[in-house]
């Protein structure tokens, strides 16, 4: 059972998201919070697998909350949600450690799919956010691209193969099938890749890979 938390200062939005998540037999909403500070308290008191976090909230916004949640001893996966698709929200949320970024008008079935994907170790970006990130990294400055390339070059050939598929958005199961290896082996490779690239999740690894090679 996936243990979820809904974080939003709008009570109606919290209710709607909670009802949506609870409609999935594999998900249970075990906590709710109206702002980032309350979310940290709830995540500390409950074991949370995934948190859906609004970006714009009082006291502590979703970006700061995401960073704090990811720094906990048992950090939940985080999907940030917003009504606005402003570029800076996307970049800041991912830099804070979010595993997904969705707009609140995302189809309910896609929100449920995102929860399952991030808990399984994958990532989920709203198409608009993904397109903007790709466009950004097609125009990255050379010094930043050079630094990224140096990190990628330090990986083994097999790890670079895994990273390339990860950057494409493939799940661990997809990568295992493509490369002809066990899914557990892929998980081990991904763990080593994150450590070597000095990033905290798959989204950041994918961005760094595209920084090094915009054609990905």
N, C-alpha and C. Protein backbone atom coordinates (compact mmCIF):
# COMPACT_ATOMS: atom_id res chain seq x y z
N UNK A 1 0.83 -1.20 0.00
CA UNK A 1 0.00 0.00 0.00
C UNK A 1 0.87 1.25 0.00
N UNK A 2 0.59 2.18 -0.91
CA UNK A 2 1.31 3.44 -0.99
C UNK A 2 0.70 4.43 -0.01
N UNK A 3 1.53 4.96 0.90
CA UNK A 3 1.06 5.92 1.90
C UNK A 3 1.34 7.33 1.39
N UNK A 4 0.26 8.10 1.21
CA UNK A 4 0.38 9.41 0.57
C UNK A 4 0.01 10.54 1.53
N UNK A 5 0.55 11.72 1.22
CA UNK A 5 0.18 12.95 1.94
C UNK A 5 -0.19 14.01 0.91
N UNK A 6 -1.25 14.77 1.20
CA UNK A 6 -1.69 15.85 0.33
C UNK A 6 -1.42 17.18 1.04
N UNK A 7 -0.70 18.08 0.37
CA UNK A 7 -0.31 19.36 0.98
C UNK A 7 -0.81 20.50 0.10
N UNK A 8 -1.80 21.24 0.58
CA UNK A 8 -2.36 22.36 -0.19
C UNK A 8 -3.11 23.27 0.78
N UNK A 9 -3.00 24.58 0.60
CA UNK A 9 -3.67 25.49 1.51
C UNK A 9 -5.15 25.65 1.20
N UNK A 10 -5.60 25.13 0.08
CA UNK A 10 -7.02 25.17 -0.30
C UNK A 10 -7.70 23.88 0.16
N UNK A 11 -8.63 24.00 1.11
CA UNK A 11 -9.28 22.82 1.68
C UNK A 11 -10.02 22.00 0.63
N UNK A 12 -10.64 22.68 -0.34
CA UNK A 12 -11.37 21.96 -1.38
C UNK A 12 -10.42 21.16 -2.28
N UNK A 13 -9.26 21.74 -2.57
CA UNK A 13 -8.27 21.02 -3.38
C UNK A 13 -7.76 19.81 -2.61
N UNK A 14 -7.49 19.99 -1.31
CA UNK A 14 -7.04 18.85 -0.49
C UNK A 14 -8.08 17.74 -0.51
N UNK A 15 -9.34 18.11 -0.36
CA UNK A 15 -10.41 17.12 -0.36
C UNK A 15 -10.48 16.40 -1.69
N UNK A 16 -10.40 17.17 -2.78
CA UNK A 16 -10.48 16.56 -4.11
C UNK A 16 -9.34 15.61 -4.38
N UNK A 17 -8.12 16.02 -4.04
CA UNK A 17 -6.96 15.16 -4.26
C UNK A 17 -7.02 13.92 -3.36
N UNK A 18 -7.48 14.12 -2.13
CA UNK A 18 -7.59 12.98 -1.21
C UNK A 18 -8.60 11.97 -1.74
N UNK A 19 -9.75 12.44 -2.20
CA UNK A 19 -10.76 11.54 -2.75
C UNK A 19 -10.22 10.81 -3.97
N UNK A 20 -9.46 11.54 -4.81
CA UNK A 20 -8.89 10.92 -6.01
C UNK A 20 -7.92 9.81 -5.63
N UNK A 21 -6.99 10.11 -4.73
CA UNK A 21 -5.98 9.12 -4.35
C UNK A 21 -6.62 7.92 -3.65
N UNK A 22 -7.60 8.19 -2.79
CA UNK A 22 -8.26 7.10 -2.06
C UNK A 22 -9.12 6.23 -2.98
N UNK A 23 -9.41 6.73 -4.19
CA UNK A 23 -10.18 5.91 -5.15
C UNK A 23 -9.33 4.78 -5.72
N UNK A 24 -8.01 4.86 -5.55
CA UNK A 24 -7.09 3.83 -6.01
C UNK A 24 -6.84 2.87 -4.85
N UNK A 25 -7.17 1.60 -5.05
CA UNK A 25 -7.05 0.61 -3.98
C UNK A 25 -5.62 0.43 -3.47
N UNK A 26 -4.63 0.89 -4.25
CA UNK A 26 -3.23 0.71 -3.85
C UNK A 26 -2.67 1.94 -3.14
N UNK A 27 -3.50 2.98 -2.95
CA UNK A 27 -3.04 4.23 -2.33
C UNK A 27 -3.91 4.56 -1.12
N UNK A 28 -3.28 4.98 -0.05
CA UNK A 28 -4.00 5.43 1.14
C UNK A 28 -3.45 6.79 1.56
N UNK A 29 -4.32 7.79 1.67
CA UNK A 29 -3.90 9.10 2.17
C UNK A 29 -3.87 9.04 3.69
N UNK A 30 -2.68 9.14 4.26
CA UNK A 30 -2.51 9.01 5.71
C UNK A 30 -2.27 10.35 6.39
N UNK A 31 -2.10 11.42 5.60
CA UNK A 31 -1.85 12.74 6.20
C UNK A 31 -2.24 13.84 5.23
N UNK A 32 -2.64 14.97 5.77
CA UNK A 32 -2.91 16.18 5.00
C UNK A 32 -2.26 17.36 5.70
N UNK A 33 -1.91 18.38 4.94
CA UNK A 33 -1.31 19.57 5.52
C UNK A 33 -1.72 20.79 4.71
N UNK A 34 -1.83 21.94 5.40
CA UNK A 34 -2.28 23.17 4.75
C UNK A 34 -1.13 24.09 4.37
N UNK A 35 0.10 23.74 4.78
CA UNK A 35 1.26 24.54 4.40
C UNK A 35 2.52 23.70 4.57
N UNK A 36 3.65 24.26 4.19
CA UNK A 36 4.89 23.49 4.21
C UNK A 36 5.33 23.08 5.60
N UNK A 37 5.19 23.98 6.57
CA UNK A 37 5.61 23.65 7.93
C UNK A 37 4.80 22.49 8.49
N UNK A 38 3.49 22.52 8.25
CA UNK A 38 2.63 21.43 8.71
C UNK A 38 2.99 20.13 8.00
N UNK A 39 3.38 20.24 6.73
CA UNK A 39 3.77 19.05 5.97
C UNK A 39 5.00 18.37 6.58
N UNK A 40 5.97 19.18 7.01
CA UNK A 40 7.17 18.62 7.64
C UNK A 40 6.79 17.89 8.92
N UNK A 41 5.90 18.50 9.71
CA UNK A 41 5.44 17.86 10.95
C UNK A 41 4.74 16.54 10.66
N UNK A 42 3.87 16.53 9.66
CA UNK A 42 3.13 15.32 9.33
C UNK A 42 4.05 14.22 8.80
N UNK A 43 5.02 14.60 7.97
CA UNK A 43 5.94 13.62 7.41
C UNK A 43 6.85 13.03 8.48
N UNK A 44 7.10 13.82 9.52
CA UNK A 44 7.91 13.33 10.63
C UNK A 44 7.10 12.37 11.51
N UNK A 45 5.80 12.66 11.64
CA UNK A 45 4.94 11.84 12.49
C UNK A 45 4.45 10.56 11.81
N UNK A 46 4.38 10.58 10.49
CA UNK A 46 3.87 9.44 9.73
C UNK A 46 4.93 8.97 8.73
N UNK A 47 4.88 7.70 8.40
CA UNK A 47 5.75 7.22 7.32
C UNK A 47 5.04 7.51 6.01
N UNK A 48 5.60 8.40 5.23
CA UNK A 48 4.99 8.83 3.97
C UNK A 48 5.82 8.32 2.80
N UNK A 49 5.16 7.70 1.83
CA UNK A 49 5.86 7.24 0.63
C UNK A 49 5.92 8.32 -0.44
N UNK A 50 4.85 9.10 -0.55
CA UNK A 50 4.81 10.14 -1.58
C UNK A 50 3.96 11.30 -1.09
N UNK A 51 4.41 12.51 -1.38
CA UNK A 51 3.67 13.72 -1.00
C UNK A 51 3.33 14.52 -2.26
N UNK A 52 2.06 14.92 -2.38
CA UNK A 52 1.64 15.83 -3.43
C UNK A 52 1.61 17.22 -2.81
N UNK A 53 2.48 18.11 -3.31
CA UNK A 53 2.72 19.38 -2.64
C UNK A 53 2.42 20.56 -3.56
N UNK A 54 1.52 21.43 -3.10
CA UNK A 54 1.23 22.66 -3.84
C UNK A 54 2.45 23.58 -3.79
N UNK A 55 2.65 24.37 -4.81
CA UNK A 55 3.80 25.27 -4.85
C UNK A 55 3.56 26.52 -4.02
N UNK A 56 2.41 27.16 -4.20
CA UNK A 56 2.14 28.45 -3.55
C UNK A 56 1.31 28.24 -2.29
N UNK A 57 1.96 28.39 -1.12
CA UNK A 57 1.29 28.22 0.17
C UNK A 57 1.85 29.23 1.16
N UNK A 58 1.08 29.56 2.21
CA UNK A 58 1.57 30.48 3.25
C UNK A 58 2.58 29.79 4.17
N UNK A 59 3.26 30.59 4.96
CA UNK A 59 4.24 30.15 5.98
C UNK A 59 5.47 29.49 5.35
N UNK A 60 5.28 28.39 4.62
CA UNK A 60 6.38 27.76 3.89
C UNK A 60 5.84 27.26 2.57
N UNK A 61 6.40 27.75 1.46
CA UNK A 61 5.87 27.35 0.15
C UNK A 61 6.31 25.93 -0.22
N UNK A 62 5.79 25.46 -1.35
CA UNK A 62 6.04 24.09 -1.76
C UNK A 62 7.48 23.80 -2.13
N UNK A 63 8.20 24.80 -2.63
CA UNK A 63 9.59 24.58 -3.01
C UNK A 63 10.44 24.34 -1.76
N UNK A 64 10.28 25.22 -0.76
CA UNK A 64 11.02 25.05 0.49
C UNK A 64 10.61 23.76 1.19
N UNK A 65 9.32 23.45 1.15
CA UNK A 65 8.83 22.22 1.79
C UNK A 65 9.42 20.98 1.12
N UNK A 66 9.51 21.02 -0.19
CA UNK A 66 10.08 19.88 -0.92
C UNK A 66 11.52 19.64 -0.49
N UNK A 67 12.29 20.72 -0.40
CA UNK A 67 13.69 20.58 0.01
C UNK A 67 13.78 20.00 1.41
N UNK A 68 12.92 20.45 2.33
CA UNK A 68 12.93 19.95 3.70
C UNK A 68 12.47 18.49 3.75
N UNK A 69 11.45 18.16 2.99
CA UNK A 69 10.95 16.78 2.97
C UNK A 69 12.01 15.82 2.46
N UNK A 70 12.72 16.23 1.41
CA UNK A 70 13.74 15.35 0.82
C UNK A 70 14.95 15.19 1.73
N UNK A 71 15.08 16.08 2.72
CA UNK A 71 16.22 16.02 3.64
C UNK A 71 15.92 15.20 4.89
N UNK A 72 14.69 14.71 5.03
CA UNK A 72 14.32 13.91 6.19
C UNK A 72 15.06 12.58 6.20
N UNK A 73 15.11 11.95 7.36
CA UNK A 73 15.79 10.66 7.47
C UNK A 73 15.13 9.61 6.58
N UNK A 74 13.81 9.67 6.47
CA UNK A 74 13.07 8.77 5.57
C UNK A 74 12.27 9.64 4.60
N UNK A 75 12.94 10.16 3.58
CA UNK A 75 12.30 11.15 2.70
C UNK A 75 11.24 10.55 1.79
N UNK A 76 10.08 11.18 1.70
CA UNK A 76 9.08 10.72 0.74
C UNK A 76 9.43 11.20 -0.67
N UNK A 77 8.91 10.54 -1.66
CA UNK A 77 8.94 11.09 -3.00
C UNK A 77 8.03 12.30 -3.02
N UNK A 78 8.32 13.26 -3.88
CA UNK A 78 7.52 14.49 -3.91
C UNK A 78 7.09 14.79 -5.34
N UNK A 79 5.78 15.04 -5.47
CA UNK A 79 5.23 15.54 -6.73
C UNK A 79 4.70 16.94 -6.44
N UNK A 80 5.26 17.95 -7.10
CA UNK A 80 4.78 19.31 -6.89
C UNK A 80 3.64 19.60 -7.86
N UNK A 81 2.66 20.34 -7.37
CA UNK A 81 1.47 20.68 -8.15
C UNK A 81 1.29 22.19 -8.15
N UNK A 82 0.88 22.74 -9.26
CA UNK A 82 0.61 24.17 -9.31
C UNK A 82 -0.42 24.47 -10.38
N UNK A 83 -1.11 25.59 -10.21
CA UNK A 83 -2.04 26.08 -11.22
C UNK A 83 -1.28 26.80 -12.32
N UNK A 84 -0.05 27.21 -12.00
CA UNK A 84 0.75 28.02 -12.91
C UNK A 84 1.89 27.19 -13.48
N UNK A 85 2.20 27.34 -14.76
CA UNK A 85 3.29 26.59 -15.38
C UNK A 85 4.51 27.48 -15.60
N UNK A 86 4.71 28.45 -14.69
CA UNK A 86 5.85 29.35 -14.83
C UNK A 86 7.15 28.57 -14.79
N UNK A 87 8.08 28.95 -15.67
CA UNK A 87 9.34 28.23 -15.78
C UNK A 87 10.06 28.08 -14.45
N UNK A 88 10.15 29.16 -13.69
CA UNK A 88 10.95 29.13 -12.47
C UNK A 88 10.43 28.12 -11.47
N UNK A 89 9.11 27.93 -11.44
CA UNK A 89 8.56 26.92 -10.54
C UNK A 89 9.08 25.53 -10.91
N UNK A 90 9.13 25.24 -12.20
CA UNK A 90 9.61 23.93 -12.64
C UNK A 90 11.05 23.73 -12.21
N UNK A 91 11.91 24.68 -12.53
CA UNK A 91 13.33 24.54 -12.24
C UNK A 91 13.58 24.46 -10.73
N UNK A 92 12.90 25.34 -9.97
CA UNK A 92 13.12 25.36 -8.52
C UNK A 92 12.63 24.08 -7.86
N UNK A 93 11.50 23.57 -8.31
CA UNK A 93 10.96 22.34 -7.73
C UNK A 93 11.89 21.16 -7.97
N UNK A 94 12.40 21.04 -9.18
CA UNK A 94 13.31 19.93 -9.49
C UNK A 94 14.63 20.09 -8.77
N UNK A 95 15.11 21.32 -8.67
CA UNK A 95 16.36 21.56 -7.95
C UNK A 95 16.20 21.23 -6.47
N UNK A 96 14.99 21.39 -5.93
CA UNK A 96 14.73 21.09 -4.53
C UNK A 96 14.61 19.59 -4.28
N UNK A 97 14.50 18.81 -5.35
CA UNK A 97 14.45 17.37 -5.19
C UNK A 97 13.14 16.72 -5.57
N UNK A 98 12.22 17.47 -6.19
CA UNK A 98 10.94 16.89 -6.59
C UNK A 98 11.15 15.80 -7.64
N UNK A 99 10.32 14.77 -7.55
CA UNK A 99 10.37 13.66 -8.51
C UNK A 99 9.35 13.84 -9.63
N UNK A 100 8.48 14.82 -9.47
CA UNK A 100 7.48 15.07 -10.49
C UNK A 100 6.98 16.49 -10.40
N UNK A 101 6.46 17.00 -11.52
CA UNK A 101 5.91 18.35 -11.57
C UNK A 101 4.68 18.30 -12.46
N UNK A 102 3.51 18.58 -11.87
CA UNK A 102 2.26 18.51 -12.61
C UNK A 102 1.44 19.78 -12.41
N UNK A 103 0.66 20.14 -13.40
CA UNK A 103 -0.31 21.21 -13.25
C UNK A 103 -1.59 20.61 -12.67
N UNK A 104 -2.33 21.45 -11.95
CA UNK A 104 -3.54 20.94 -11.30
C UNK A 104 -4.64 20.56 -12.27
N UNK A 105 -4.52 20.98 -13.54
CA UNK A 105 -5.52 20.57 -14.52
C UNK A 105 -5.14 19.25 -15.20
N UNK A 106 -4.09 18.58 -14.68
CA UNK A 106 -3.70 17.28 -15.22
C UNK A 106 -4.85 16.29 -15.05
N UNK A 107 -5.05 15.43 -16.03
CA UNK A 107 -6.11 14.42 -15.96
C UNK A 107 -5.95 13.60 -14.69
N UNK A 108 -7.03 13.33 -13.96
CA UNK A 108 -6.94 12.54 -12.72
C UNK A 108 -6.22 11.21 -12.88
N UNK A 109 -6.45 10.53 -13.99
CA UNK A 109 -5.78 9.25 -14.21
C UNK A 109 -4.27 9.42 -14.30
N UNK A 110 -3.82 10.56 -14.85
CA UNK A 110 -2.39 10.83 -14.96
C UNK A 110 -1.78 11.16 -13.59
N UNK A 111 -2.56 11.79 -12.73
CA UNK A 111 -2.07 12.06 -11.38
C UNK A 111 -1.85 10.75 -10.64
N UNK A 112 -2.81 9.83 -10.76
CA UNK A 112 -2.65 8.51 -10.12
C UNK A 112 -1.46 7.78 -10.72
N UNK A 113 -1.31 7.87 -12.03
CA UNK A 113 -0.17 7.22 -12.69
C UNK A 113 1.14 7.81 -12.19
N UNK A 114 1.17 9.12 -11.99
CA UNK A 114 2.39 9.78 -11.50
C UNK A 114 2.76 9.27 -10.12
N UNK A 115 1.78 9.09 -9.25
CA UNK A 115 2.05 8.57 -7.91
C UNK A 115 2.71 7.21 -7.98
N UNK A 116 2.16 6.33 -8.80
CA UNK A 116 2.72 4.99 -8.93
C UNK A 116 4.13 5.04 -9.54
N UNK A 117 4.33 5.90 -10.52
CA UNK A 117 5.63 5.99 -11.19
C UNK A 117 6.72 6.48 -10.25
N UNK A 118 6.46 7.55 -9.51
CA UNK A 118 7.52 8.10 -8.67
C UNK A 118 7.83 7.16 -7.50
N UNK A 119 6.83 6.48 -6.97
CA UNK A 119 7.08 5.54 -5.88
C UNK A 119 7.92 4.37 -6.39
N UNK A 120 7.73 4.01 -7.67
CA UNK A 120 8.50 2.93 -8.26
C UNK A 120 9.91 3.35 -8.66
N UNK A 121 10.20 4.65 -8.50
CA UNK A 121 11.55 5.12 -8.80
C UNK A 121 11.69 5.87 -10.10
N UNK A 122 10.58 6.12 -10.79
CA UNK A 122 10.63 6.87 -12.04
C UNK A 122 10.27 8.34 -11.76
N UNK A 123 10.06 9.10 -12.82
CA UNK A 123 9.73 10.51 -12.68
C UNK A 123 8.53 10.83 -13.55
N UNK A 124 7.90 11.96 -13.26
CA UNK A 124 6.71 12.35 -14.03
C UNK A 124 6.68 13.85 -14.17
N UNK A 125 6.74 14.34 -15.40
CA UNK A 125 6.68 15.78 -15.66
C UNK A 125 5.49 16.08 -16.57
N UNK A 126 4.80 17.17 -16.27
CA UNK A 126 3.75 17.63 -17.16
C UNK A 126 4.40 17.91 -18.52
N UNK A 127 3.73 17.56 -19.63
CA UNK A 127 4.34 17.75 -20.96
C UNK A 127 4.87 19.16 -21.20
N UNK A 128 4.14 20.18 -20.74
CA UNK A 128 4.61 21.55 -20.92
C UNK A 128 5.93 21.78 -20.19
N UNK A 129 6.00 21.28 -18.96
CA UNK A 129 7.24 21.44 -18.19
C UNK A 129 8.39 20.70 -18.84
N UNK A 130 8.12 19.49 -19.31
CA UNK A 130 9.16 18.70 -19.96
C UNK A 130 9.69 19.40 -21.21
N UNK A 131 8.78 19.95 -22.00
CA UNK A 131 9.19 20.64 -23.23
C UNK A 131 10.06 21.84 -22.92
N UNK A 132 9.69 22.59 -21.90
CA UNK A 132 10.47 23.78 -21.55
C UNK A 132 11.85 23.41 -21.03
N UNK A 133 11.91 22.33 -20.28
CA UNK A 133 13.22 21.89 -19.78
C UNK A 133 14.11 21.44 -20.93
N UNK A 134 13.54 20.71 -21.87
CA UNK A 134 14.32 20.27 -23.03
C UNK A 134 14.81 21.47 -23.83
N UNK A 135 13.93 22.44 -24.03
CA UNK A 135 14.32 23.64 -24.76
C UNK A 135 15.45 24.38 -24.03
N UNK A 136 15.34 24.45 -22.72
CA UNK A 136 16.38 25.12 -21.94
C UNK A 136 17.73 24.44 -22.12
N UNK A 137 17.72 23.11 -22.04
CA UNK A 137 18.99 22.39 -22.09
C UNK A 137 19.54 22.25 -23.50
N UNK A 138 18.74 22.61 -24.49
CA UNK A 138 19.27 22.72 -25.85
C UNK A 138 20.08 24.01 -26.00
N UNK A 139 19.91 24.94 -25.07
CA UNK A 139 20.59 26.23 -25.15
C UNK A 139 21.45 26.48 -23.92
N UNK A 140 21.96 25.43 -23.34
CA UNK A 140 22.79 25.55 -22.14
C UNK A 140 24.15 26.15 -22.49
N UNK A 141 24.68 26.94 -21.58
CA UNK A 141 25.99 27.51 -21.80
C UNK A 141 27.06 26.43 -21.82
N UNK A 142 28.10 26.62 -22.58
CA UNK A 142 29.15 25.61 -22.72
C UNK A 142 29.85 25.28 -21.41
N UNK A 143 30.18 26.26 -20.54
CA UNK A 143 30.84 25.87 -19.29
C UNK A 143 30.02 24.88 -18.47
N UNK A 144 28.71 25.11 -18.39
CA UNK A 144 27.84 24.20 -17.64
C UNK A 144 27.79 22.84 -18.33
N UNK A 145 27.70 22.86 -19.66
CA UNK A 145 27.66 21.60 -20.41
C UNK A 145 28.97 20.83 -20.24
N UNK A 146 30.08 21.55 -20.20
CA UNK A 146 31.38 20.90 -20.03
C UNK A 146 31.49 20.23 -18.67
N UNK A 147 31.00 20.91 -17.63
CA UNK A 147 31.01 20.31 -16.29
C UNK A 147 30.14 19.07 -16.24
N UNK A 148 28.99 19.13 -16.87
CA UNK A 148 28.09 17.98 -16.89
C UNK A 148 28.73 16.83 -17.65
N UNK A 149 29.38 17.14 -18.77
CA UNK A 149 30.01 16.10 -19.57
C UNK A 149 31.12 15.41 -18.78
N UNK A 150 31.85 16.15 -17.98
CA UNK A 150 32.92 15.56 -17.18
C UNK A 150 32.36 14.54 -16.19
N UNK A 151 31.22 14.85 -15.59
CA UNK A 151 30.60 13.90 -14.66
C UNK A 151 30.12 12.65 -15.38
N UNK A 152 29.49 12.86 -16.53
CA UNK A 152 28.99 11.71 -17.29
C UNK A 152 30.14 10.84 -17.77
N UNK A 153 31.25 11.46 -18.18
CA UNK A 153 32.41 10.70 -18.67
C UNK A 153 33.01 9.82 -17.59
N UNK A 154 32.77 10.15 -16.32
CA UNK A 154 33.31 9.35 -15.22
C UNK A 154 32.54 8.05 -15.00
N UNK A 155 31.37 7.92 -15.65
CA UNK A 155 30.57 6.71 -15.52
C UNK A 155 31.16 5.59 -16.38
N UNK A 156 30.83 4.36 -16.03
CA UNK A 156 31.23 3.23 -16.87
C UNK A 156 30.39 3.23 -18.14
N UNK A 157 30.83 2.54 -19.19
CA UNK A 157 30.02 2.48 -20.41
C UNK A 157 28.61 1.97 -20.16
N UNK A 158 28.46 0.97 -19.30
CA UNK A 158 27.13 0.42 -19.01
C UNK A 158 26.27 1.44 -18.27
N UNK A 159 26.89 2.16 -17.35
CA UNK A 159 26.15 3.18 -16.63
C UNK A 159 25.71 4.30 -17.56
N UNK A 160 26.54 4.61 -18.55
CA UNK A 160 26.14 5.64 -19.53
C UNK A 160 24.98 5.15 -20.37
N UNK A 161 24.95 3.85 -20.69
CA UNK A 161 23.81 3.29 -21.42
C UNK A 161 22.53 3.44 -20.61
N UNK A 162 22.63 3.12 -19.32
CA UNK A 162 21.46 3.23 -18.44
C UNK A 162 21.02 4.69 -18.32
N UNK A 163 21.98 5.59 -18.17
CA UNK A 163 21.66 7.01 -18.04
C UNK A 163 20.97 7.54 -19.28
N UNK A 164 21.42 7.11 -20.45
CA UNK A 164 20.81 7.56 -21.70
C UNK A 164 19.34 7.17 -21.76
N UNK A 165 19.02 5.95 -21.35
CA UNK A 165 17.63 5.50 -21.37
C UNK A 165 16.82 6.17 -20.27
N UNK A 166 17.46 6.38 -19.12
CA UNK A 166 16.80 7.09 -18.01
C UNK A 166 16.42 8.50 -18.45
N UNK A 167 17.34 9.16 -19.15
CA UNK A 167 17.09 10.53 -19.62
C UNK A 167 15.95 10.57 -20.63
N UNK A 168 15.72 9.45 -21.30
CA UNK A 168 14.63 9.35 -22.27
C UNK A 168 13.28 9.17 -21.58
N UNK A 169 13.33 8.88 -20.27
CA UNK A 169 12.10 8.69 -19.51
C UNK A 169 11.72 7.25 -19.27
N UNK A 170 12.62 6.31 -19.63
CA UNK A 170 12.30 4.90 -19.46
C UNK A 170 12.27 4.52 -17.97
N UNK A 171 11.39 3.60 -17.61
CA UNK A 171 11.36 3.06 -16.26
C UNK A 171 12.47 2.02 -16.10
N UNK A 172 12.69 1.56 -14.87
CA UNK A 172 13.70 0.52 -14.65
C UNK A 172 13.36 -0.74 -15.44
N UNK A 173 12.07 -1.07 -15.49
CA UNK A 173 11.65 -2.26 -16.24
C UNK A 173 11.96 -2.09 -17.73
N UNK A 174 11.69 -0.89 -18.26
CA UNK A 174 11.98 -0.62 -19.68
C UNK A 174 13.48 -0.76 -19.96
N UNK A 175 14.29 -0.19 -19.08
CA UNK A 175 15.74 -0.23 -19.26
C UNK A 175 16.25 -1.67 -19.20
N UNK A 176 15.72 -2.43 -18.25
CA UNK A 176 16.14 -3.83 -18.11
C UNK A 176 15.83 -4.61 -19.39
N UNK A 177 14.66 -4.38 -19.96
CA UNK A 177 14.27 -5.08 -21.19
C UNK A 177 15.16 -4.67 -22.36
N UNK A 178 15.43 -3.37 -22.48
CA UNK A 178 16.23 -2.87 -23.59
C UNK A 178 17.67 -3.37 -23.53
N UNK A 179 18.23 -3.38 -22.33
CA UNK A 179 19.65 -3.74 -22.16
C UNK A 179 19.86 -5.21 -21.82
N UNK A 180 18.77 -5.95 -21.66
CA UNK A 180 18.89 -7.38 -21.39
C UNK A 180 19.50 -7.70 -20.04
N UNK A 181 19.02 -7.02 -18.99
CA UNK A 181 19.54 -7.29 -17.66
C UNK A 181 18.39 -7.37 -16.67
N UNK A 182 18.69 -7.81 -15.45
CA UNK A 182 17.68 -7.89 -14.42
C UNK A 182 17.31 -6.49 -13.94
N UNK A 183 16.05 -6.31 -13.53
CA UNK A 183 15.62 -5.01 -13.04
C UNK A 183 16.39 -4.62 -11.78
N UNK A 184 16.74 -5.60 -10.95
CA UNK A 184 17.52 -5.30 -9.75
C UNK A 184 18.90 -4.76 -10.10
N UNK A 185 19.46 -5.25 -11.22
CA UNK A 185 20.75 -4.75 -11.67
C UNK A 185 20.63 -3.30 -12.14
N UNK A 186 19.52 -3.00 -12.82
CA UNK A 186 19.28 -1.63 -13.27
C UNK A 186 19.18 -0.70 -12.06
N UNK A 187 18.47 -1.14 -11.01
CA UNK A 187 18.34 -0.31 -9.81
C UNK A 187 19.71 -0.02 -9.20
N UNK A 188 20.58 -1.02 -9.21
CA UNK A 188 21.93 -0.82 -8.67
C UNK A 188 22.70 0.19 -9.51
N UNK A 189 22.57 0.07 -10.84
CA UNK A 189 23.24 1.03 -11.73
C UNK A 189 22.72 2.44 -11.48
N UNK A 190 21.39 2.59 -11.36
CA UNK A 190 20.80 3.91 -11.15
C UNK A 190 21.30 4.51 -9.85
N UNK A 191 21.38 3.71 -8.80
CA UNK A 191 21.88 4.19 -7.51
C UNK A 191 23.31 4.71 -7.64
N UNK A 192 24.15 3.95 -8.34
CA UNK A 192 25.55 4.38 -8.52
C UNK A 192 25.63 5.63 -9.39
N UNK A 193 24.76 5.72 -10.39
CA UNK A 193 24.75 6.89 -11.27
C UNK A 193 24.39 8.15 -10.48
N UNK A 194 23.37 8.07 -9.64
CA UNK A 194 22.97 9.23 -8.84
C UNK A 194 24.11 9.70 -7.95
N UNK A 195 24.81 8.73 -7.35
CA UNK A 195 25.94 9.06 -6.48
C UNK A 195 27.06 9.72 -7.27
N UNK A 196 27.39 9.12 -8.42
CA UNK A 196 28.50 9.63 -9.23
C UNK A 196 28.21 11.02 -9.79
N UNK A 197 26.94 11.26 -10.15
CA UNK A 197 26.58 12.56 -10.73
C UNK A 197 26.29 13.60 -9.66
N UNK A 198 26.26 13.16 -8.40
CA UNK A 198 26.00 14.06 -7.26
C UNK A 198 24.63 14.71 -7.38
N UNK A 199 23.63 13.88 -7.70
CA UNK A 199 22.24 14.35 -7.76
C UNK A 199 21.41 13.46 -6.85
N UNK A 200 20.18 13.89 -6.57
CA UNK A 200 19.36 13.17 -5.60
C UNK A 200 18.27 12.30 -6.21
N UNK A 201 17.93 12.53 -7.48
CA UNK A 201 16.87 11.72 -8.07
C UNK A 201 17.03 11.61 -9.59
N UNK A 202 16.15 10.83 -10.20
CA UNK A 202 16.24 10.54 -11.63
C UNK A 202 16.02 11.78 -12.49
N UNK A 203 15.14 12.66 -12.05
CA UNK A 203 14.88 13.87 -12.83
C UNK A 203 16.14 14.70 -12.96
N UNK A 204 16.83 14.91 -11.84
CA UNK A 204 18.06 15.70 -11.88
C UNK A 204 19.14 15.00 -12.71
N UNK A 205 19.19 13.66 -12.63
CA UNK A 205 20.15 12.92 -13.45
C UNK A 205 19.84 13.09 -14.94
N UNK A 206 18.55 13.05 -15.28
CA UNK A 206 18.16 13.22 -16.68
C UNK A 206 18.50 14.62 -17.18
N UNK A 207 18.29 15.62 -16.34
CA UNK A 207 18.61 16.99 -16.74
C UNK A 207 20.11 17.16 -16.95
N UNK A 208 20.90 16.56 -16.07
CA UNK A 208 22.35 16.66 -16.22
C UNK A 208 22.81 15.94 -17.49
N UNK A 209 22.18 14.79 -17.77
CA UNK A 209 22.54 14.05 -18.98
C UNK A 209 22.23 14.87 -20.23
N UNK A 210 21.09 15.57 -20.22
CA UNK A 210 20.72 16.41 -21.36
C UNK A 210 21.58 17.65 -21.44
N UNK A 211 22.06 18.09 -20.27
CA UNK A 211 23.00 19.20 -20.24
C UNK A 211 24.29 18.81 -20.96
N UNK A 212 24.73 17.59 -20.71
CA UNK A 212 25.95 17.10 -21.35
C UNK A 212 25.74 16.78 -22.82
N UNK A 213 24.53 16.30 -23.14
CA UNK A 213 24.23 15.93 -24.53
C UNK A 213 22.79 16.34 -24.83
N UNK A 214 22.57 17.56 -25.37
CA UNK A 214 21.22 18.06 -25.64
C UNK A 214 20.42 17.20 -26.61
N UNK A 215 21.06 16.28 -27.32
CA UNK A 215 20.31 15.44 -28.27
C UNK A 215 19.51 14.36 -27.59
N UNK A 216 19.75 14.12 -26.28
CA UNK A 216 19.02 13.08 -25.56
C UNK A 216 17.55 13.46 -25.41
